[in-house]
Structures are given as structure tokens and as C-alpha cells.
Amino acid sequence: MRREPRRSQKEEKNYNVLYMGGSILLIGIIAFVITFIVYGNKMDKQASLDNQKIASLVQGSSKDSEEVSTQIGKTVEEVQNETKTEENMTKNANTTKTNTTNNTKTTKTNTTTNTAKKEETTKSSETTKAETQKEETNQEPLTFAKPVEGEMAKEYAKDKLVYSETLEEWTTHLGWDIKADKTTVVKAAANGKVKSIKNDPRYGLSVIIEHSDGYETLYANLLSTEFVTVGEEVKQGQSIGTVGNTAAFEIADESHLHFEITKNGESIDPSTLIK
């Protein structure tokens, strides 16, 4: 009988290590296989359940969708009809209300406008009347003064004749001729406004001033009128020009101022207004 050679201690140790490692590896493989099988079965069951649940949800959703779609379709149609009807009723009501409101506003506006116009007319009339009364009340009494100081060369002669040296005949004389040297300052006889300044063929350089109550004064045979302008308001005693010798129908007379007063176009004797 042959004996097997006895292993060395080192070889025995290596063998034990390999044996233990192989055992551990085998156990790990077996555990992995078991775990894989168990987990796989569980996953298959879970997948099956999920598929069933999904199918069930899909079917339920489809049914709900069909029901909801049907309900929505009916509701939309009905709502559209009802909405159209309500819109038409609302439009008609709004139109009627708007027309009524517009008519009311128009009537009210016209009434208000007419009332306002009447009030404005009344106020304007009352204001004009009040202003006229105020002006008449506050108006200074019209008085006249001699426009230049000097000797009377010719007096007013409407109803009798006076001799004209220039015309060499007897004529009427509708104003005053007041002697004064050339360049003597001529003054306004009363308050008023300059109506015109002109070079008249008969009266020569002349100024006409209009006053209240229809009065006008004429200053003729002037040398200059540089102190006033047409439209200017003047006061009694204000300078309006200077004495000259420009009147053609009195050219033969000494230098003087030819002065006239009229009321509403009718000549007046200055002596009735100037004392």
C-alpha cells in the first residue's frame, strides 16, 4: 500500500484560502441568481398590474371623454342659442335705452340752449341799457369855448348878408371869423373826437371834431394840423392846429380862424353856445 505524499503547510494554507474564496463566490452567485429571479417575477407582476391599470384608466378616460364631449356639445349648442337670444334682447334694450336717452338729452339740451340764449339776450339787453344809463349819468355836460383869442372879423350871418372881399359880393356867413396871427395855436372848443382832417377847396386846411348830442365843430383856414390825428379823442382846450390863410373863399381877408358849429347837420350861431 502506497502512501500519498504529505502536503506542506504552505500548500495547505493556500488550499484553504482557495476553498474559502470559491465557497464565498459560489454563495454570492447563488444569492444573485435567487435575487434576480425573485425581482424579475415581482417586476413582471408589477408591469402586468400597471398595464391593466393603464388600460382601465384609458378605457375610463375614453368613456368620460365621450360623455363629456357629448355633454359639452349639447351645452355649447344650447348656450350659443341662449347667448344669441340674450345678446339680441340686450342689443334691443340698449338701442331703445340709447334712443330714449339721446332724445331726452337732445330735448334737454335744446331747452337749456334756448333758455341760456334767452337769458344771455336778456342780460345783454339789460347790460347795454345799464351801460347806456351809466354813460348818460356819468357824461359831463357839453360846453363850448372860443378856439382862439382874437377880434371878431365876421360874425355868424345866416339870415342876413355880409360882404365878402374875396368874392366881392354879399353872401351869408355860417360861422365866426376870428382874427389871429399866423401860427397862433387853435384849440378844441369842446370834448370830442377828431372826425376828419382835410384840405378843402373852399375852406382850405380844416379839422372837424364830432361831439356828443350830434354836435360838430369846424376849424378852417389853418396853416397846420400836426397836433392831432383822425380818430383821436380830444379835450376842450387841447391844441389841434395853427392859424393860417388857406381858405380860397376868404383868401383876401386877413389871417384868421374860420370856425363853425353844427347840430345834426344844421348850422348854429356859436354865440348861442359860447359866451
C-alpha atoms as a PDB file:
ATOM      1  CA  MET A   1       0.000   0.000   0.000  1.00  0.00           C
ATOM      2  CA  ARG A   2       1.379   3.291  -1.246  1.00  0.00           C
ATOM      3  CA  ARG A   3       1.096   6.497   0.889  1.00  0.00           C
ATOM      4  CA  GLU A   4       0.301   9.842  -0.727  1.00  0.00           C
ATOM      5  CA  PRO A   5       2.913  12.398  -0.203  1.00  0.00           C
ATOM      6  CA  ARG A   6       2.018  14.739   2.664  1.00  0.00           C
ATOM      7  CA  ARG A   7       1.282  18.352   1.754  1.00  0.00           C
ATOM      8  CA  SER A   8       3.382  21.088   3.074  1.00  0.00           C
ATOM      9  CA  GLN A   9       1.984  23.612   5.464  1.00  0.00           C
ATOM     10  CA  LYS A  10       2.201  26.323   2.858  1.00  0.00           C
ATOM     11  CA  GLU A  11       0.296  24.366   0.298  1.00  0.00           C
ATOM     12  CA  GLU A  12      -2.312  23.536   2.937  1.00  0.00           C
ATOM     13  CA  LYS A  13      -2.815  27.217   3.657  1.00  0.00           C
ATOM     14  CA  ASN A  14      -3.174  28.128   0.005  1.00  0.00           C
ATOM     15  CA  TYR A  15      -5.682  25.363  -0.462  1.00  0.00           C
ATOM     16  CA  ASN A  16      -7.811  26.595   2.387  1.00  0.00           C
ATOM     17  CA  VAL A  17      -7.798  30.129   1.016  1.00  0.00           C
ATOM     18  CA  LEU A  18      -8.869  28.959  -2.420  1.00  0.00           C
ATOM     19  CA  TYR A  19     -11.556  26.756  -0.914  1.00  0.00           C
ATOM     20  CA  MET A  20     -12.998  29.559   1.124  1.00  0.00           C
ATOM     21  CA  GLY A  21     -12.884  32.040  -1.766  1.00  0.00           C
ATOM     22  CA  GLY A  22     -14.580  29.573  -4.079  1.00  0.00           C
ATOM     23  CA  SER A  23     -17.270  28.942  -1.494  1.00  0.00           C
ATOM     24  CA  ILE A  24     -17.923  32.644  -0.997  1.00  0.00           C
ATOM     25  CA  LEU A  25     -18.045  33.255  -4.763  1.00  0.00           C
ATOM     26  CA  LEU A  26     -20.430  30.338  -5.224  1.00  0.00           C
ATOM     27  CA  ILE A  27     -22.676  31.583  -2.450  1.00  0.00           C
ATOM     28  CA  GLY A  28     -22.685  35.098  -3.995  1.00  0.00           C
ATOM     29  CA  ILE A  29     -23.593  33.712  -7.407  1.00  0.00           C
ATOM     30  CA  ILE A  30     -26.405  31.662  -5.949  1.00  0.00           C
ATOM     31  CA  ALA A  31     -27.704  34.680  -3.991  1.00  0.00           C
ATOM     32  CA  PHE A  32     -27.563  36.873  -7.100  1.00  0.00           C
ATOM     33  CA  VAL A  33     -29.451  34.304  -9.180  1.00  0.00           C
ATOM     34  CA  ILE A  34     -32.125  33.948  -6.495  1.00  0.00           C
ATOM     35  CA  THR A  35     -32.452  37.727  -6.118  1.00  0.00           C
ATOM     36  CA  PHE A  36     -32.669  38.178  -9.889  1.00  0.00           C
ATOM     37  CA  ILE A  37     -35.380  35.538 -10.212  1.00  0.00           C
ATOM     38  CA  VAL A  38     -37.415  36.976  -7.332  1.00  0.00           C
ATOM     39  CA  TYR A  39     -37.056  40.579  -8.527  1.00  0.00           C
ATOM     40  CA  GLY A  40     -37.885  39.595 -12.093  1.00  0.00           C
ATOM     41  CA  ASN A  41     -41.107  37.906 -11.013  1.00  0.00           C
ATOM     42  CA  LYS A  42     -42.016  40.939  -8.938  1.00  0.00           C
ATOM     43  CA  MET A  43     -41.328  43.284 -11.832  1.00  0.00           C
ATOM     44  CA  ASP A  44     -43.402  41.124 -14.185  1.00  0.00           C
ATOM     45  CA  LYS A  45     -46.319  41.220 -11.743  1.00  0.00           C
ATOM     46  CA  GLN A  46     -45.951  44.968 -11.264  1.00  0.00           C
ATOM     47  CA  ALA A  47     -45.744  45.515 -15.032  1.00  0.00           C
ATOM     48  CA  SER A  48     -48.841  43.387 -15.528  1.00  0.00           C
ATOM     49  CA  LEU A  49     -50.715  45.347 -12.891  1.00  0.00           C
ATOM     50  CA  ASP A  50     -49.560  48.667 -14.345  1.00  0.00           C
ATOM     51  CA  ASN A  51     -50.628  47.604 -17.843  1.00  0.00           C
ATOM     52  CA  GLN A  52     -54.032  46.551 -16.562  1.00  0.00           C
ATOM     53  CA  LYS A  53     -54.412  49.764 -14.601  1.00  0.00           C
ATOM     54  CA  ILE A  54     -53.330  51.869 -17.574  1.00  0.00           C
ATOM     55  CA  ALA A  55     -55.757  50.016 -19.838  1.00  0.00           C
ATOM     56  CA  SER A  56     -58.517  50.528 -17.296  1.00  0.00           C
ATOM     57  CA  LEU A  57     -57.691  54.228 -16.971  1.00  0.00           C
ATOM     58  CA  VAL A  58     -57.562  54.639 -20.738  1.00  0.00           C
ATOM     59  CA  GLN A  59     -60.938  52.991 -21.148  1.00  0.00           C
ATOM     60  CA  GLY A  60     -62.415  55.051 -18.345  1.00  0.00           C
ATOM     61  CA  SER A  61     -60.920  58.211 -19.754  1.00  0.00           C
ATOM     62  CA  SER A  62     -62.306  57.391 -23.186  1.00  0.00           C
ATOM     63  CA  LYS A  63     -65.763  56.854 -21.752  1.00  0.00           C
ATOM     64  CA  ASP A  64     -65.543  60.019 -19.688  1.00  0.00           C
ATOM     65  CA  SER A  65     -64.265  61.909 -22.711  1.00  0.00           C
ATOM     66  CA  GLU A  66     -67.137  60.636 -24.825  1.00  0.00           C
ATOM     67  CA  GLU A  67     -69.648  61.573 -22.123  1.00  0.00           C
ATOM     68  CA  VAL A  68     -68.067  64.934 -21.522  1.00  0.00           C
ATOM     69  CA  SER A  69     -67.799  65.588 -25.258  1.00  0.00           C
ATOM     70  CA  THR A  70     -71.437  64.721 -25.700  1.00  0.00           C
ATOM     71  CA  GLN A  71     -72.436  66.897 -22.794  1.00  0.00           C
ATOM     72  CA  ILE A  72     -70.232  69.738 -23.935  1.00  0.00           C
ATOM     73  CA  GLY A  73     -71.581  69.511 -27.469  1.00  0.00           C
ATOM     74  CA  LYS A  74     -75.134  69.770 -26.270  1.00  0.00           C
ATOM     75  CA  THR A  75     -74.337  72.516 -23.804  1.00  0.00           C
ATOM     76  CA  VAL A  76     -72.394  74.615 -26.364  1.00  0.00           C
ATOM     77  CA  GLU A  77     -75.240  74.444 -28.853  1.00  0.00           C
ATOM     78  CA  GLU A  78     -77.793  75.324 -26.263  1.00  0.00           C
ATOM     79  CA  VAL A  79     -75.582  78.044 -24.795  1.00  0.00           C
ATOM     80  CA  GLN A  80     -74.970  79.533 -28.247  1.00  0.00           C
ATOM     81  CA  ASN A  81     -78.689  79.740 -28.932  1.00  0.00           C
ATOM     82  CA  GLU A  82     -79.365  81.168 -25.497  1.00  0.00           C
ATOM     83  CA  THR A  83     -76.443  83.610 -25.816  1.00  0.00           C
ATOM     84  CA  LYS A  84     -77.651  84.832 -29.213  1.00  0.00           C
ATOM     85  CA  THR A  85     -81.138  85.335 -27.858  1.00  0.00           C
ATOM     86  CA  GLU A  86     -79.819  87.207 -24.815  1.00  0.00           C
ATOM     87  CA  GLU A  87     -77.491  89.321 -26.970  1.00  0.00           C
ATOM     88  CA  ASN A  88     -80.343  90.292 -29.280  1.00  0.00           C
ATOM     89  CA  MET A  89     -82.545  91.164 -26.334  1.00  0.00           C
ATOM     90  CA  THR A  90     -79.712  93.148 -24.749  1.00  0.00           C
ATOM     91  CA  LYS A  91     -78.968  94.995 -28.007  1.00  0.00           C
ATOM     92  CA  ASN A  92     -82.614  95.861 -28.482  1.00  0.00           C
ATOM     93  CA  ALA A  93     -82.876  97.036 -24.890  1.00  0.00           C
ATOM     94  CA  ASN A  94     -79.668  99.060 -25.199  1.00  0.00           C
ATOM     95  CA  THR A  95     -80.798 100.551 -28.525  1.00  0.00           C
ATOM     96  CA  THR A  96     -84.137 101.548 -27.068  1.00  0.00           C
ATOM     97  CA  LYS A  97     -82.467 102.953 -23.973  1.00  0.00           C
ATOM     98  CA  THR A  98     -79.883 104.826 -26.061  1.00  0.00           C
ATOM     99  CA  ASN A  99     -82.545 106.322 -28.330  1.00  0.00           C
ATOM    100  CA  THR A 100     -84.614 107.347 -25.341  1.00  0.00           C
ATOM    101  CA  THR A 101     -81.566 108.815 -23.630  1.00  0.00           C
ATOM    102  CA  ASN A 102     -80.481 110.664 -26.788  1.00  0.00           C
ATOM    103  CA  ASN A 103     -83.963 112.055 -27.315  1.00  0.00           C
ATOM    104  CA  THR A 104     -84.110 113.133 -23.702  1.00  0.00           C
ATOM    105  CA  LYS A 105     -80.639 114.692 -23.898  1.00  0.00           C
ATOM    106  CA  THR A 106     -81.471 116.447 -27.176  1.00  0.00           C
ATOM    107  CA  THR A 107     -84.693 117.848 -25.764  1.00  0.00           C
ATOM    108  CA  LYS A 108     -82.961 118.864 -22.559  1.00  0.00           C
ATOM    109  CA  THR A 109     -80.049 120.397 -24.490  1.00  0.00           C
ATOM    110  CA  ASN A 110     -82.354 122.340 -26.794  1.00  0.00           C
ATOM    111  CA  THR A 111     -84.377 123.555 -23.840  1.00  0.00           C
ATOM    112  CA  THR A 112     -81.231 124.517 -21.963  1.00  0.00           C
ATOM    113  CA  THR A 113     -79.752 126.220 -25.035  1.00  0.00           C
ATOM    114  CA  ASN A 114     -82.907 128.197 -25.711  1.00  0.00           C
ATOM    115  CA  THR A 115     -83.152 129.166 -22.058  1.00  0.00           C
ATOM    116  CA  ALA A 116     -79.468 130.163 -21.997  1.00  0.00           C
ATOM    117  CA  LYS A 117     -79.898 132.212 -25.191  1.00  0.00           C
ATOM    118  CA  LYS A 118     -82.911 133.980 -23.742  1.00  0.00           C
ATOM    119  CA  GLU A 119     -81.021 134.663 -20.540  1.00  0.00           C
ATOM    120  CA  GLU A 120     -77.964 135.903 -22.464  1.00  0.00           C
ATOM    121  CA  THR A 121     -80.165 138.130 -24.633  1.00  0.00           C
ATOM    122  CA  THR A 122     -81.931 139.494 -21.571  1.00  0.00           C
ATOM    123  CA  LYS A 123     -78.642 140.017 -19.726  1.00  0.00           C
ATOM    124  CA  SER A 124     -77.054 141.628 -22.776  1.00  0.00           C
ATOM    125  CA  SER A 125     -80.032 143.933 -23.192  1.00  0.00           C
ATOM    126  CA  GLU A 126     -80.007 144.816 -19.506  1.00  0.00           C
ATOM    127  CA  THR A 127     -76.226 145.342 -19.575  1.00  0.00           C
ATOM    128  CA  THR A 128     -76.437 147.580 -22.639  1.00  0.00           C
ATOM    129  CA  LYS A 129     -79.263 149.546 -21.090  1.00  0.00           C
ATOM    130  CA  ALA A 130     -77.381 149.866 -17.803  1.00  0.00           C
ATOM    131  CA  GLU A 131     -74.201 150.953 -19.582  1.00  0.00           C
ATOM    132  CA  THR A 132     -76.146 153.494 -21.623  1.00  0.00           C
ATOM    133  CA  GLN A 133     -77.806 154.843 -18.491  1.00  0.00           C
ATOM    134  CA  LYS A 134     -74.445 154.911 -16.732  1.00  0.00           C
ATOM    135  CA  GLU A 135     -72.828 156.742 -19.617  1.00  0.00           C
ATOM    136  CA  GLU A 136     -75.683 159.219 -19.722  1.00  0.00           C
ATOM    137  CA  THR A 137     -75.472 159.688 -15.966  1.00  0.00           C
ATOM    138  CA  ASN A 138     -71.674 159.998 -15.879  1.00  0.00           C
ATOM    139  CA  GLN A 139     -71.426 162.034 -19.071  1.00  0.00           C
ATOM    140  CA  GLU A 140     -70.118 165.518 -18.499  1.00  0.00           C
ATOM    141  CA  PRO A 141     -72.346 168.319 -19.727  1.00  0.00           C
ATOM    142  CA  LEU A 142     -71.195 169.586 -23.127  1.00  0.00           C
ATOM    143  CA  THR A 143     -69.807 173.110 -23.060  1.00  0.00           C
ATOM    144  CA  PHE A 144     -68.065 175.179 -25.724  1.00  0.00           C
ATOM    145  CA  ALA A 145     -65.252 177.732 -25.544  1.00  0.00           C
ATOM    146  CA  LYS A 146     -63.613 180.062 -28.053  1.00  0.00           C
ATOM    147  CA  PRO A 147     -60.999 178.097 -30.046  1.00  0.00           C
ATOM    148  CA  VAL A 148     -58.680 181.079 -30.327  1.00  0.00           C
ATOM    149  CA  GLU A 149     -58.492 184.502 -28.726  1.00  0.00           C
ATOM    150  CA  GLY A 150     -58.841 187.493 -31.048  1.00  0.00           C
ATOM    151  CA  GLU A 151     -61.042 190.204 -32.517  1.00  0.00           C
ATOM    152  CA  MET A 152     -64.179 189.162 -34.343  1.00  0.00           C
ATOM    153  CA  ALA A 153     -63.663 189.834 -38.069  1.00  0.00           C
ATOM    154  CA  LYS A 154     -67.024 188.406 -39.201  1.00  0.00           C
ATOM    155  CA  GLU A 155     -69.914 187.174 -37.134  1.00  0.00           C
ATOM    156  CA  TYR A 156     -72.453 184.490 -37.861  1.00  0.00           C
ATOM    157  CA  ALA A 157     -74.900 185.605 -40.579  1.00  0.00           C
ATOM    158  CA  LYS A 158     -77.429 183.056 -41.751  1.00  0.00           C
ATOM    159  CA  ASP A 159     -80.469 185.263 -42.140  1.00  0.00           C
ATOM    160  CA  LYS A 160     -78.612 188.342 -43.401  1.00  0.00           C
ATOM    161  CA  LEU A 161     -75.854 189.054 -45.900  1.00  0.00           C
ATOM    162  CA  VAL A 162     -72.284 190.200 -45.270  1.00  0.00           C
ATOM    163  CA  TYR A 163     -69.823 191.497 -47.826  1.00  0.00           C
ATOM    164  CA  SER A 164     -67.014 189.172 -48.988  1.00  0.00           C
ATOM    165  CA  GLU A 165     -63.895 190.977 -50.153  1.00  0.00           C
ATOM    166  CA  THR A 166     -62.597 187.796 -51.796  1.00  0.00           C
ATOM    167  CA  LEU A 167     -65.810 187.145 -53.739  1.00  0.00           C
ATOM    168  CA  GLU A 168     -66.622 190.875 -53.983  1.00  0.00           C
ATOM    169  CA  GLU A 169     -70.267 190.183 -53.249  1.00  0.00           C
ATOM    170  CA  TRP A 170     -72.765 189.943 -50.426  1.00  0.00           C
ATOM    171  CA  THR A 171     -73.187 186.424 -49.064  1.00  0.00           C
ATOM    172  CA  THR A 172     -74.300 184.551 -45.972  1.00  0.00           C
ATOM    173  CA  HIS A 173     -71.685 183.585 -43.386  1.00  0.00           C
ATOM    174  CA  LEU A 174     -72.347 180.436 -41.329  1.00  0.00           C
ATOM    175  CA  GLY A 175     -69.640 180.811 -38.700  1.00  0.00           C
ATOM    176  CA  TRP A 176     -67.164 183.117 -36.997  1.00  0.00           C
ATOM    177  CA  ASP A 177     -64.002 184.628 -38.440  1.00  0.00           C
ATOM    178  CA  ILE A 178     -61.667 185.347 -35.516  1.00  0.00           C
ATOM    179  CA  LYS A 179     -58.603 187.447 -36.274  1.00  0.00           C
ATOM    180  CA  ALA A 180     -55.276 185.894 -35.228  1.00  0.00           C
ATOM    181  CA  ASP A 181     -51.711 185.950 -36.434  1.00  0.00           C
ATOM    182  CA  LYS A 182     -50.383 183.068 -38.464  1.00  0.00           C
ATOM    183  CA  THR A 183     -49.094 180.125 -36.379  1.00  0.00           C
ATOM    184  CA  THR A 184     -51.385 181.099 -33.481  1.00  0.00           C
ATOM    185  CA  VAL A 185     -52.395 177.861 -31.756  1.00  0.00           C
ATOM    186  CA  VAL A 186     -56.023 176.788 -32.296  1.00  0.00           C
ATOM    187  CA  LYS A 187     -57.684 174.765 -29.520  1.00  0.00           C
ATOM    188  CA  ALA A 188     -60.640 172.358 -29.392  1.00  0.00           C
ATOM    189  CA  ALA A 189     -63.846 174.166 -28.436  1.00  0.00           C
ATOM    190  CA  ALA A 190     -65.243 171.107 -26.583  1.00  0.00           C
ATOM    191  CA  ASN A 191     -64.553 167.473 -25.740  1.00  0.00           C
ATOM    192  CA  GLY A 192     -64.865 165.181 -28.720  1.00  0.00           C
ATOM    193  CA  LYS A 193     -63.128 163.029 -31.334  1.00  0.00           C
ATOM    194  CA  VAL A 194     -61.348 164.129 -34.495  1.00  0.00           C
ATOM    195  CA  LYS A 195     -63.632 163.121 -37.366  1.00  0.00           C
ATOM    196  CA  SER A 196     -61.540 164.325 -40.301  1.00  0.00           C
ATOM    197  CA  ILE A 197     -58.513 166.358 -41.359  1.00  0.00           C
ATOM    198  CA  LYS A 198     -58.622 167.521 -44.958  1.00  0.00           C
ATOM    199  CA  ASN A 199     -57.625 170.247 -47.395  1.00  0.00           C
ATOM    200  CA  ASP A 200     -60.991 171.563 -48.585  1.00  0.00           C
ATOM    201  CA  PRO A 201     -61.158 173.508 -51.905  1.00  0.00           C
ATOM    202  CA  ARG A 202     -63.122 176.309 -50.236  1.00  0.00           C
ATOM    203  CA  TYR A 203     -62.183 176.109 -46.542  1.00  0.00           C
ATOM    204  CA  GLY A 204     -58.528 175.221 -47.025  1.00  0.00           C
ATOM    205  CA  LEU A 205     -56.775 173.038 -44.414  1.00  0.00           C
ATOM    206  CA  SER A 206     -59.538 172.038 -41.978  1.00  0.00           C
ATOM    207  CA  VAL A 207     -60.234 169.897 -38.913  1.00  0.00           C
ATOM    208  CA  ILE A 208     -63.707 168.601 -37.999  1.00  0.00           C
ATOM    209  CA  ILE A 209     -64.378 167.364 -34.459  1.00  0.00           C
ATOM    210  CA  GLU A 210     -67.539 165.466 -33.553  1.00  0.00           C
ATOM    211  CA  HIS A 211     -69.089 165.858 -30.102  1.00  0.00           C
ATOM    212  CA  SER A 212     -71.985 164.318 -28.201  1.00  0.00           C
ATOM    213  CA  ASP A 213     -75.649 165.125 -28.914  1.00  0.00           C
ATOM    214  CA  GLY A 214     -74.987 165.435 -32.673  1.00  0.00           C
ATOM    215  CA  TYR A 215     -72.705 168.489 -32.441  1.00  0.00           C
ATOM    216  CA  GLU A 216     -69.721 169.076 -34.734  1.00  0.00           C
ATOM    217  CA  THR A 217     -67.184 171.910 -34.926  1.00  0.00           C
ATOM    218  CA  LEU A 218     -65.204 173.049 -37.970  1.00  0.00           C
ATOM    219  CA  TYR A 219     -61.767 174.748 -37.763  1.00  0.00           C
ATOM    220  CA  ALA A 220     -60.781 176.062 -41.203  1.00  0.00           C
ATOM    221  CA  ASN A 221     -58.198 178.321 -42.898  1.00  0.00           C
ATOM    222  CA  LEU A 222     -55.444 176.548 -40.902  1.00  0.00           C
ATOM    223  CA  LEU A 223     -51.728 176.539 -41.527  1.00  0.00           C
ATOM    224  CA  SER A 224     -51.020 173.164 -39.871  1.00  0.00           C
ATOM    225  CA  THR A 225     -52.745 170.296 -38.013  1.00  0.00           C
ATOM    226  CA  GLU A 226     -49.729 168.484 -36.593  1.00  0.00           C
ATOM    227  CA  PHE A 227     -51.148 168.255 -33.056  1.00  0.00           C
ATOM    228  CA  VAL A 228     -53.906 165.679 -33.734  1.00  0.00           C
ATOM    229  CA  THR A 229     -54.761 162.642 -35.850  1.00  0.00           C
ATOM    230  CA  VAL A 230     -58.048 161.292 -37.202  1.00  0.00           C
ATOM    231  CA  GLY A 231     -59.915 159.244 -34.569  1.00  0.00           C
ATOM    232  CA  GLU A 232     -58.092 160.846 -31.641  1.00  0.00           C
ATOM    233  CA  GLU A 233     -60.067 161.761 -28.539  1.00  0.00           C
ATOM    234  CA  VAL A 234     -59.522 165.406 -27.611  1.00  0.00           C
ATOM    235  CA  LYS A 235     -60.379 167.510 -24.595  1.00  0.00           C
ATOM    236  CA  GLN A 236     -61.642 171.080 -24.519  1.00  0.00           C
ATOM    237  CA  GLY A 237     -58.668 173.438 -24.806  1.00  0.00           C
ATOM    238  CA  GLN A 238     -56.366 170.824 -26.417  1.00  0.00           C
ATOM    239  CA  SER A 239     -54.199 172.131 -29.280  1.00  0.00           C
ATOM    240  CA  ILE A 240     -55.338 170.939 -32.714  1.00  0.00           C
ATOM    241  CA  GLY A 241     -53.558 173.223 -35.204  1.00  0.00           C
ATOM    242  CA  THR A 242     -52.340 176.733 -36.078  1.00  0.00           C
ATOM    243  CA  VAL A 243     -53.925 179.728 -37.805  1.00  0.00           C
ATOM    244  CA  GLY A 244     -53.119 180.198 -41.485  1.00  0.00           C
ATOM    245  CA  ASN A 245     -54.558 181.686 -44.686  1.00  0.00           C
ATOM    246  CA  THR A 246     -55.522 178.691 -46.829  1.00  0.00           C
ATOM    247  CA  ALA A 247     -59.289 179.194 -47.343  1.00  0.00           C
ATOM    248  CA  ALA A 248     -59.908 180.038 -51.011  1.00  0.00           C
ATOM    249  CA  PHE A 249     -63.211 181.858 -50.453  1.00  0.00           C
ATOM    250  CA  GLU A 250     -61.585 184.116 -47.789  1.00  0.00           C
ATOM    251  CA  ILE A 251     -58.100 184.494 -49.237  1.00  0.00           C
ATOM    252  CA  ALA A 252     -58.360 188.273 -49.445  1.00  0.00           C
ATOM    253  CA  ASP A 253     -59.121 188.595 -45.727  1.00  0.00           C
ATOM    254  CA  GLU A 254     -56.517 188.977 -43.017  1.00  0.00           C
ATOM    255  CA  SER A 255     -55.200 185.801 -41.365  1.00  0.00           C
ATOM    256  CA  HIS A 256     -57.915 184.377 -39.149  1.00  0.00           C
ATOM    257  CA  LEU A 257     -59.630 181.201 -37.968  1.00  0.00           C
ATOM    258  CA  HIS A 258     -62.897 180.306 -39.659  1.00  0.00           C
ATOM    259  CA  PHE A 259     -64.994 178.496 -37.015  1.00  0.00           C
ATOM    260  CA  GLU A 260     -68.425 176.810 -37.355  1.00  0.00           C
ATOM    261  CA  ILE A 261     -70.783 174.792 -35.150  1.00  0.00           C
ATOM    262  CA  THR A 262     -73.476 172.408 -36.467  1.00  0.00           C
ATOM    263  CA  LYS A 263     -76.000 170.127 -34.798  1.00  0.00           C
ATOM    264  CA  ASN A 264     -77.317 167.157 -36.769  1.00  0.00           C
ATOM    265  CA  GLY A 265     -76.053 168.882 -39.920  1.00  0.00           C
ATOM    266  CA  GLU A 266     -77.738 172.238 -39.239  1.00  0.00           C
ATOM    267  CA  SER A 267     -75.546 175.301 -38.675  1.00  0.00           C
ATOM    268  CA  ILE A 268     -75.821 177.063 -35.288  1.00  0.00           C
ATOM    269  CA  ASP A 269     -74.788 180.536 -34.228  1.00  0.00           C
ATOM    270  CA  PRO A 270     -71.693 179.976 -31.999  1.00  0.00           C
ATOM    271  CA  SER A 271     -72.785 182.888 -29.835  1.00  0.00           C
ATOM    272  CA  THR A 272     -75.697 180.793 -28.530  1.00  0.00           C
ATOM    273  CA  LEU A 273     -73.236 178.307 -27.023  1.00  0.00           C
ATOM    274  CA  ILE A 274     -70.124 180.436 -26.360  1.00  0.00           C
ATOM    275  CA  LYS A 275     -70.480 183.479 -24.105  1.00  0.00           C
END
